[in-house]
Each structure stands twice: as C-alpha cells, then as structure tokens.
Amino acid sequence: KHLERLHNLMLLENKIFYSYLGRYIAIDSFIKVFDYQINEAITVIQETINQYNEKLNPREGLNLLLNLSALLLINHDYKQANKFLNEFNKSDSYYQKTMGREWLLRKEMIRALILLELKHIDLAEKTLISIKQKYADLFSSKQYKMVYPFIKALEKYINEPHEIDLEELKSLEKAFDFQKEKVFRDPRLIMFYAWLKGKYTNQKTYDILLKEYNLLD
C-alpha cells in the first residue's frame, strides 16, 4: 500500500517522479525478488537504468546498478553480473566519497563472488585480500562483525571445496556467533548468506534465498 501511494504521488509531477524513482525501483525490485519474481526484478531495474539513467540521482543510479549486478549473480547470470559491475570504472576514492565505505565494501564483496563463479580464483583471492587490508578497521564494529567470518568461510570454500557441507557451515556459524535473525534484517545480507549456504550445500542461491526468507516468519 505504501509503495502504491508513493507511485501515485510520483505520477503527479515530473520533479517528484525523478526525485523518488531510484528509491521506488530499489524497493519494488527487492519485493519482487522475495515474491519469486527475480526475473521481473532484474528487468525493472534494467529498464529504469536504460530509460532514466541521465535523470536519476547519481547515488540512486549507482545503487541500482550494484543491485542489478547482485541480482544477476543470484540468478546465475555471472557474465552479465560481471559486465554491469565493470561499469564502475572510477576510482575507489570517488565511490567512497559519493556512496560511502559500506557501499564500496559491498561492491567489492559482490565482485569476489562473481569472480569465484567465473572461475577467476586468483582474482577473487586478491579481491578478498584487498578487502581485509582496506576494511580491517571496520570488522571489529558491531555493524560489520559478520564480514570477516564470511570471508573466512569463502576462503575455506576456495581452499577446501571438497570438505565443505552443511555441518561445516553450522560449525562456522557457531564459532563466529552467527545470529541469523539480526543479519537478515537487511535483505542485502540475506543474499550473501544464501550464496554461501548454496555453495556449502550444493544448492542454487535463489532457492536458498527464498527458503531462508520464508523461515524468518
């Protein structure tokens, strides 16, 4: 209802439409993802970027592009995910100034997962090393405390792929005091967890994502 009201408000005037378009599409696409409509979510973001990119707020345009890359990753379209991620061709300092460190960290984490899926293992490992070096000061804070355990689980997947399974994932969760209900307050974090659990249990990321989301109730 709230989203529908926002859309109706946007239709009243062009200035309002463009002011809220990026946020509206971001919310609408996330709703579609968790309503078994990931292809529709991808399409609506792509169409918005293609049609309105010049008129979008720069921050919201960058955010939609990163969301698109993440959704393509979840939907197992790794080459397209990588293609859109490579459109971020400005310096880290630019993106940190424009979007903030958290956004930049998320972008690099998505990059690592895409590189792993494309079998560019060396590049994925370099990306993870870079993340640990650049963001080590964040890992001790409450907001980012799950990033380091996630990286350790990724490294185990890279180095010992034949030894990972659900029990191994559970032991990692226990060791790092993983609290799913807190992590899952942010749908972006559920996506990272779904990817990881998919690898540890040999299941598709999107299937895991929907199962984990439905278990929240």
C-alpha atoms as a PDB file:
ATOM      1  CA  LYS A   1       0.000   0.000   0.000  1.00  0.00           C
ATOM      2  CA  HIS A   2       2.742   2.463   0.958  1.00  0.00           C
ATOM      3  CA  LEU A   3       4.640   1.703  -2.245  1.00  0.00           C
ATOM      4  CA  GLU A   4       1.481   2.170  -4.305  1.00  0.00           C
ATOM      5  CA  ARG A   5       0.835   5.534  -2.635  1.00  0.00           C
ATOM      6  CA  LEU A   6       4.386   6.598  -3.394  1.00  0.00           C
ATOM      7  CA  HIS A   7       3.943   5.614  -7.035  1.00  0.00           C
ATOM      8  CA  ASN A   8       0.696   7.571  -7.294  1.00  0.00           C
ATOM      9  CA  LEU A   9       2.426  10.592  -5.759  1.00  0.00           C
ATOM     10  CA  MET A  10       5.285  10.273  -8.250  1.00  0.00           C
ATOM     11  CA  LEU A  11       2.863  10.384 -11.166  1.00  0.00           C
ATOM     12  CA  LEU A  12       1.594  13.826 -10.138  1.00  0.00           C
ATOM     13  CA  GLU A  13       4.671  15.762 -11.183  1.00  0.00           C
ATOM     14  CA  ASN A  14       7.933  15.095 -13.052  1.00  0.00           C
ATOM     15  CA  LYS A  15      10.052  16.622 -10.291  1.00  0.00           C
ATOM     16  CA  ILE A  16       8.549  14.250  -7.713  1.00  0.00           C
ATOM     17  CA  PHE A  17       8.805  11.321 -10.158  1.00  0.00           C
ATOM     18  CA  TYR A  18      12.549  11.698 -10.675  1.00  0.00           C
ATOM     19  CA  SER A  19      13.218  12.515  -7.019  1.00  0.00           C
ATOM     20  CA  TYR A  20      11.787   9.187  -5.857  1.00  0.00           C
ATOM     21  CA  LEU A  21      12.283   6.928  -8.886  1.00  0.00           C
ATOM     22  CA  GLY A  22      15.531   5.293  -7.755  1.00  0.00           C
ATOM     23  CA  ARG A  23      14.245   4.505  -4.270  1.00  0.00           C
ATOM     24  CA  TYR A  24      10.916   3.281  -5.619  1.00  0.00           C
ATOM     25  CA  ILE A  25      12.567   0.866  -8.060  1.00  0.00           C
ATOM     26  CA  ALA A  26      15.014  -0.373  -5.406  1.00  0.00           C
ATOM     27  CA  ILE A  27      12.165  -1.247  -3.021  1.00  0.00           C
ATOM     28  CA  ASP A  28       9.916  -2.632  -5.759  1.00  0.00           C
ATOM     29  CA  SER A  29      12.661  -4.898  -7.112  1.00  0.00           C
ATOM     30  CA  PHE A  30      13.505  -6.259  -3.645  1.00  0.00           C
ATOM     31  CA  ILE A  31       9.824  -7.075  -3.088  1.00  0.00           C
ATOM     32  CA  LYS A  32       9.754  -8.903  -6.424  1.00  0.00           C
ATOM     33  CA  VAL A  33      12.867 -10.914  -5.521  1.00  0.00           C
ATOM     34  CA  PHE A  34      11.257 -12.259  -2.353  1.00  0.00           C
ATOM     35  CA  ASP A  35       7.975 -12.846  -4.174  1.00  0.00           C
ATOM     36  CA  TYR A  36       9.504 -15.410  -6.563  1.00  0.00           C
ATOM     37  CA  GLN A  37       9.869 -12.818  -9.351  1.00  0.00           C
ATOM     38  CA  ILE A  38      13.612 -12.303  -9.680  1.00  0.00           C
ATOM     39  CA  ASN A  39      13.497 -12.088 -13.489  1.00  0.00           C
ATOM     40  CA  GLU A  40      10.922  -9.307 -13.242  1.00  0.00           C
ATOM     41  CA  ALA A  41      13.086  -7.555 -10.620  1.00  0.00           C
ATOM     42  CA  ILE A  42      16.083  -7.659 -12.949  1.00  0.00           C
ATOM     43  CA  THR A  43      14.009  -6.389 -15.871  1.00  0.00           C
ATOM     44  CA  VAL A  44      12.534  -3.446 -13.977  1.00  0.00           C
ATOM     45  CA  ILE A  45      15.996  -2.269 -12.869  1.00  0.00           C
ATOM     46  CA  GLN A  46      17.461  -2.678 -16.354  1.00  0.00           C
ATOM     47  CA  GLU A  47      14.595  -0.786 -17.970  1.00  0.00           C
ATOM     48  CA  THR A  48      14.850   2.025 -15.414  1.00  0.00           C
ATOM     49  CA  ILE A  49      18.598   2.414 -15.953  1.00  0.00           C
ATOM     50  CA  ASN A  50      18.228   2.298 -19.744  1.00  0.00           C
ATOM     51  CA  GLN A  51      15.383   4.799 -19.831  1.00  0.00           C
ATOM     52  CA  TYR A  52      16.118   7.196 -16.981  1.00  0.00           C
ATOM     53  CA  ASN A  53      19.801   6.900 -16.060  1.00  0.00           C
ATOM     54  CA  GLU A  54      20.623  10.505 -17.023  1.00  0.00           C
ATOM     55  CA  LYS A  55      17.794  11.817 -14.848  1.00  0.00           C
ATOM     56  CA  LEU A  56      18.343   9.587 -11.816  1.00  0.00           C
ATOM     57  CA  ASN A  57      20.004  10.952  -8.708  1.00  0.00           C
ATOM     58  CA  PRO A  58      23.669   9.840  -9.158  1.00  0.00           C
ATOM     59  CA  ARG A  59      23.709   7.944  -5.853  1.00  0.00           C
ATOM     60  CA  GLU A  60      20.497   6.117  -6.669  1.00  0.00           C
ATOM     61  CA  GLY A  61      21.711   5.288 -10.169  1.00  0.00           C
ATOM     62  CA  LEU A  62      24.883   3.718  -8.774  1.00  0.00           C
ATOM     63  CA  ASN A  63      22.889   1.839  -6.166  1.00  0.00           C
ATOM     64  CA  LEU A  64      20.508   0.402  -8.773  1.00  0.00           C
ATOM     65  CA  LEU A  65      23.439  -0.693 -10.929  1.00  0.00           C
ATOM     66  CA  LEU A  66      25.039  -2.525  -7.991  1.00  0.00           C
ATOM     67  CA  ASN A  67      21.696  -4.114  -7.068  1.00  0.00           C
ATOM     68  CA  LEU A  68      21.340  -5.268 -10.675  1.00  0.00           C
ATOM     69  CA  SER A  69      24.756  -6.911 -10.604  1.00  0.00           C
ATOM     70  CA  ALA A  70      23.895  -8.656  -7.321  1.00  0.00           C
ATOM     71  CA  LEU A  71      20.559  -9.947  -8.639  1.00  0.00           C
ATOM     72  CA  LEU A  72      22.180 -11.291 -11.803  1.00  0.00           C
ATOM     73  CA  LEU A  73      24.689 -13.096  -9.582  1.00  0.00           C
ATOM     74  CA  ILE A  74      21.862 -14.639  -7.554  1.00  0.00           C
ATOM     75  CA  ASN A  75      20.121 -15.605 -10.791  1.00  0.00           C
ATOM     76  CA  HIS A  76      23.299 -17.369 -12.015  1.00  0.00           C
ATOM     77  CA  ASP A  77      23.922 -14.976 -14.908  1.00  0.00           C
ATOM     78  CA  TYR A  78      27.541 -14.386 -13.954  1.00  0.00           C
ATOM     79  CA  LYS A  79      28.826 -12.856 -17.192  1.00  0.00           C
ATOM     80  CA  GLN A  80      26.095 -10.225 -17.202  1.00  0.00           C
ATOM     81  CA  ALA A  81      26.660  -9.577 -13.491  1.00  0.00           C
ATOM     82  CA  ASN A  82      30.342  -9.006 -14.216  1.00  0.00           C
ATOM     83  CA  LYS A  83      29.561  -6.815 -17.221  1.00  0.00           C
ATOM     84  CA  PHE A  84      27.462  -4.426 -15.139  1.00  0.00           C
ATOM     85  CA  LEU A  85      29.921  -4.468 -12.230  1.00  0.00           C
ATOM     86  CA  ASN A  86      32.692  -3.433 -14.628  1.00  0.00           C
ATOM     87  CA  GLU A  87      30.733  -0.268 -15.393  1.00  0.00           C
ATOM     88  CA  PHE A  88      32.023   1.009 -12.040  1.00  0.00           C
ATOM     89  CA  ASN A  89      35.215   2.257 -13.679  1.00  0.00           C
ATOM     90  CA  LYS A  90      36.031   5.246 -11.485  1.00  0.00           C
ATOM     91  CA  SER A  91      38.431   5.274  -8.549  1.00  0.00           C
ATOM     92  CA  ASP A  92      37.653   3.844  -5.116  1.00  0.00           C
ATOM     93  CA  SER A  93      38.057   7.332  -3.670  1.00  0.00           C
ATOM     94  CA  TYR A  94      35.293   8.604  -5.966  1.00  0.00           C
ATOM     95  CA  TYR A  95      32.878   5.865  -4.936  1.00  0.00           C
ATOM     96  CA  GLN A  96      33.779   6.205  -1.267  1.00  0.00           C
ATOM     97  CA  LYS A  97      33.115   9.944  -1.409  1.00  0.00           C
ATOM     98  CA  THR A  98      29.888   9.514  -3.405  1.00  0.00           C
ATOM     99  CA  MET A  99      28.454   6.357  -1.819  1.00  0.00           C
ATOM    100  CA  GLY A 100      30.374   5.712   1.405  1.00  0.00           C
ATOM    101  CA  ARG A 101      32.654   2.931   2.625  1.00  0.00           C
ATOM    102  CA  GLU A 102      29.863   0.440   3.349  1.00  0.00           C
ATOM    103  CA  TRP A 103      28.659   0.609  -0.260  1.00  0.00           C
ATOM    104  CA  LEU A 104      32.207   0.239  -1.563  1.00  0.00           C
ATOM    105  CA  LEU A 105      32.774  -2.784   0.688  1.00  0.00           C
ATOM    106  CA  ARG A 106      29.553  -4.356  -0.583  1.00  0.00           C
ATOM    107  CA  LYS A 107      30.636  -3.765  -4.188  1.00  0.00           C
ATOM    108  CA  GLU A 108      33.962  -5.498  -3.607  1.00  0.00           C
ATOM    109  CA  MET A 109      32.299  -8.448  -1.849  1.00  0.00           C
ATOM    110  CA  ILE A 110      29.957  -8.875  -4.822  1.00  0.00           C
ATOM    111  CA  ARG A 111      32.988  -8.681  -7.115  1.00  0.00           C
ATOM    112  CA  ALA A 112      34.694 -11.504  -5.205  1.00  0.00           C
ATOM    113  CA  LEU A 113      31.644 -13.768  -5.551  1.00  0.00           C
ATOM    114  CA  ILE A 114      31.276 -13.057  -9.274  1.00  0.00           C
ATOM    115  CA  LEU A 115      34.974 -13.779  -9.846  1.00  0.00           C
ATOM    116  CA  LEU A 116      34.612 -17.078  -8.000  1.00  0.00           C
ATOM    117  CA  GLU A 117      31.649 -18.048 -10.163  1.00  0.00           C
ATOM    118  CA  LEU A 118      33.624 -17.185 -13.302  1.00  0.00           C
ATOM    119  CA  LYS A 119      36.468 -19.408 -12.009  1.00  0.00           C
ATOM    120  CA  HIS A 120      38.872 -16.469 -11.755  1.00  0.00           C
ATOM    121  CA  ILE A 121      40.136 -17.829  -8.445  1.00  0.00           C
ATOM    122  CA  ASP A 122      43.364 -15.809  -8.308  1.00  0.00           C
ATOM    123  CA  LEU A 123      41.497 -12.545  -8.882  1.00  0.00           C
ATOM    124  CA  ALA A 124      38.875 -13.489  -6.288  1.00  0.00           C
ATOM    125  CA  GLU A 125      41.592 -14.209  -3.719  1.00  0.00           C
ATOM    126  CA  LYS A 126      43.304 -10.897  -4.486  1.00  0.00           C
ATOM    127  CA  THR A 127      39.973  -9.114  -4.020  1.00  0.00           C
ATOM    128  CA  LEU A 128      39.455 -10.779  -0.623  1.00  0.00           C
ATOM    129  CA  ILE A 129      42.996  -9.875   0.473  1.00  0.00           C
ATOM    130  CA  SER A 130      42.361  -6.282  -0.595  1.00  0.00           C
ATOM    131  CA  ILE A 131      39.089  -6.197   1.375  1.00  0.00           C
ATOM    132  CA  LYS A 132      40.834  -7.456   4.520  1.00  0.00           C
ATOM    133  CA  GLN A 133      43.546  -4.828   4.171  1.00  0.00           C
ATOM    134  CA  LYS A 134      41.293  -1.870   3.368  1.00  0.00           C
ATOM    135  CA  TYR A 135      38.457  -2.578   5.797  1.00  0.00           C
ATOM    136  CA  ALA A 136      40.149  -4.326   8.729  1.00  0.00           C
ATOM    137  CA  ASP A 137      39.282  -1.400  10.993  1.00  0.00           C
ATOM    138  CA  LEU A 138      35.568  -1.984  10.349  1.00  0.00           C
ATOM    139  CA  PHE A 139      35.485  -5.687  11.208  1.00  0.00           C
ATOM    140  CA  SER A 140      35.538  -5.118  14.961  1.00  0.00           C
ATOM    141  CA  SER A 141      32.470  -2.882  14.876  1.00  0.00           C
ATOM    142  CA  LYS A 142      29.036  -4.349  15.538  1.00  0.00           C
ATOM    143  CA  GLN A 143      27.683  -3.349  12.142  1.00  0.00           C
ATOM    144  CA  TYR A 144      30.379  -5.211  10.195  1.00  0.00           C
ATOM    145  CA  LYS A 145      31.277  -8.064  12.527  1.00  0.00           C
ATOM    146  CA  MET A 146      29.984 -10.747  10.120  1.00  0.00           C
ATOM    147  CA  VAL A 147      32.175  -9.642   7.201  1.00  0.00           C
ATOM    148  CA  TYR A 148      35.353 -11.321   8.436  1.00  0.00           C
ATOM    149  CA  PRO A 149      33.657 -14.681   9.240  1.00  0.00           C
ATOM    150  CA  PHE A 150      32.054 -14.550   5.796  1.00  0.00           C
ATOM    151  CA  ILE A 151      35.471 -14.042   4.205  1.00  0.00           C
ATOM    152  CA  LYS A 152      36.907 -16.951   6.233  1.00  0.00           C
ATOM    153  CA  ALA A 153      34.061 -19.174   5.041  1.00  0.00           C
ATOM    154  CA  LEU A 154      34.750 -18.057   1.464  1.00  0.00           C
ATOM    155  CA  GLU A 155      38.433 -18.878   1.838  1.00  0.00           C
ATOM    156  CA  LYS A 156      37.568 -22.336   3.131  1.00  0.00           C
ATOM    157  CA  TYR A 157      35.332 -22.849   0.100  1.00  0.00           C
ATOM    158  CA  ILE A 158      38.214 -21.808  -2.177  1.00  0.00           C
ATOM    159  CA  ASN A 159      40.927 -23.844  -0.456  1.00  0.00           C
ATOM    160  CA  GLU A 160      38.986 -26.937   0.656  1.00  0.00           C
ATOM    161  CA  PRO A 161      35.977 -27.239  -1.686  1.00  0.00           C
ATOM    162  CA  HIS A 162      35.609 -30.982  -1.088  1.00  0.00           C
ATOM    163  CA  GLU A 163      35.405 -30.611   2.691  1.00  0.00           C
ATOM    164  CA  ILE A 164      32.536 -28.144   2.948  1.00  0.00           C
ATOM    165  CA  ASP A 165      28.990 -29.175   3.824  1.00  0.00           C
ATOM    166  CA  LEU A 166      26.064 -28.031   5.960  1.00  0.00           C
ATOM    167  CA  GLU A 167      27.663 -29.294   9.185  1.00  0.00           C
ATOM    168  CA  GLU A 168      30.811 -27.344   8.394  1.00  0.00           C
ATOM    169  CA  LEU A 169      28.724 -24.220   7.807  1.00  0.00           C
ATOM    170  CA  LYS A 170      26.909 -24.737  11.114  1.00  0.00           C
ATOM    171  CA  SER A 171      30.202 -25.109  12.964  1.00  0.00           C
ATOM    172  CA  LEU A 172      31.450 -21.876  11.389  1.00  0.00           C
ATOM    173  CA  GLU A 173      28.223 -20.106  12.374  1.00  0.00           C
ATOM    174  CA  LYS A 174      28.625 -21.343  15.950  1.00  0.00           C
ATOM    175  CA  ALA A 175      32.291 -20.372  16.129  1.00  0.00           C
ATOM    176  CA  PHE A 176      31.548 -16.826  14.987  1.00  0.00           C
ATOM    177  CA  ASP A 177      28.313 -16.467  16.996  1.00  0.00           C
ATOM    178  CA  PHE A 178      26.276 -16.015  13.833  1.00  0.00           C
ATOM    179  CA  GLN A 179      22.833 -14.588  14.663  1.00  0.00           C
ATOM    180  CA  LYS A 180      20.677 -15.091  11.602  1.00  0.00           C
ATOM    181  CA  GLU A 181      17.711 -13.043  12.759  1.00  0.00           C
ATOM    182  CA  LYS A 182      19.920  -9.957  13.157  1.00  0.00           C
ATOM    183  CA  VAL A 183      21.755 -10.406   9.880  1.00  0.00           C
ATOM    184  CA  PHE A 184      18.513 -10.906   7.981  1.00  0.00           C
ATOM    185  CA  ARG A 185      17.117  -7.505   8.917  1.00  0.00           C
ATOM    186  CA  ASP A 186      18.886  -6.316   5.789  1.00  0.00           C
ATOM    187  CA  PRO A 187      17.803  -8.158   2.603  1.00  0.00           C
ATOM    188  CA  ARG A 188      21.194  -7.445   1.047  1.00  0.00           C
ATOM    189  CA  LEU A 189      22.847  -9.533   3.761  1.00  0.00           C
ATOM    190  CA  ILE A 190      20.462 -12.446   3.222  1.00  0.00           C
ATOM    191  CA  MET A 191      21.741 -12.562  -0.349  1.00  0.00           C
ATOM    192  CA  PHE A 192      25.359 -13.012   0.748  1.00  0.00           C
ATOM    193  CA  TYR A 193      24.369 -15.728   3.201  1.00  0.00           C
ATOM    194  CA  ALA A 194      22.224 -17.506   0.584  1.00  0.00           C
ATOM    195  CA  TRP A 195      25.147 -17.585  -1.840  1.00  0.00           C
ATOM    196  CA  LEU A 196      27.461 -19.031   0.810  1.00  0.00           C
ATOM    197  CA  LYS A 197      24.970 -21.636   2.023  1.00  0.00           C
ATOM    198  CA  GLY A 198      24.301 -22.597  -1.590  1.00  0.00           C
ATOM    199  CA  LYS A 199      27.986 -23.411  -2.022  1.00  0.00           C
ATOM    200  CA  TYR A 200      28.202 -25.336   1.244  1.00  0.00           C
ATOM    201  CA  THR A 201      25.097 -27.412   0.437  1.00  0.00           C
ATOM    202  CA  ASN A 202      25.331 -27.601  -3.378  1.00  0.00           C
ATOM    203  CA  GLN A 203      22.041 -25.785  -3.942  1.00  0.00           C
ATOM    204  CA  LYS A 204      21.032 -22.816  -6.076  1.00  0.00           C
ATOM    205  CA  THR A 205      21.452 -19.418  -4.443  1.00  0.00           C
ATOM    206  CA  TYR A 206      17.956 -18.189  -5.267  1.00  0.00           C
ATOM    207  CA  ASP A 207      16.326 -21.354  -3.892  1.00  0.00           C
ATOM    208  CA  ILE A 208      18.229 -20.893  -0.631  1.00  0.00           C
ATOM    209  CA  LEU A 209      17.363 -17.195  -0.541  1.00  0.00           C
ATOM    210  CA  LEU A 210      13.626 -17.889  -0.727  1.00  0.00           C
ATOM    211  CA  LYS A 211      13.805 -20.731   1.816  1.00  0.00           C
ATOM    212  CA  GLU A 212      15.722 -18.625   4.321  1.00  0.00           C
ATOM    213  CA  TYR A 213      13.413 -15.660   3.833  1.00  0.00           C
ATOM    214  CA  ASN A 214      10.315 -17.806   4.372  1.00  0.00           C
ATOM    215  CA  LEU A 215      11.843 -19.250   7.556  1.00  0.00           C
ATOM    216  CA  LEU A 216      12.045 -15.764   9.072  1.00  0.00           C
ATOM    217  CA  ASP A 217       8.348 -15.874   9.957  1.00  0.00           C
END
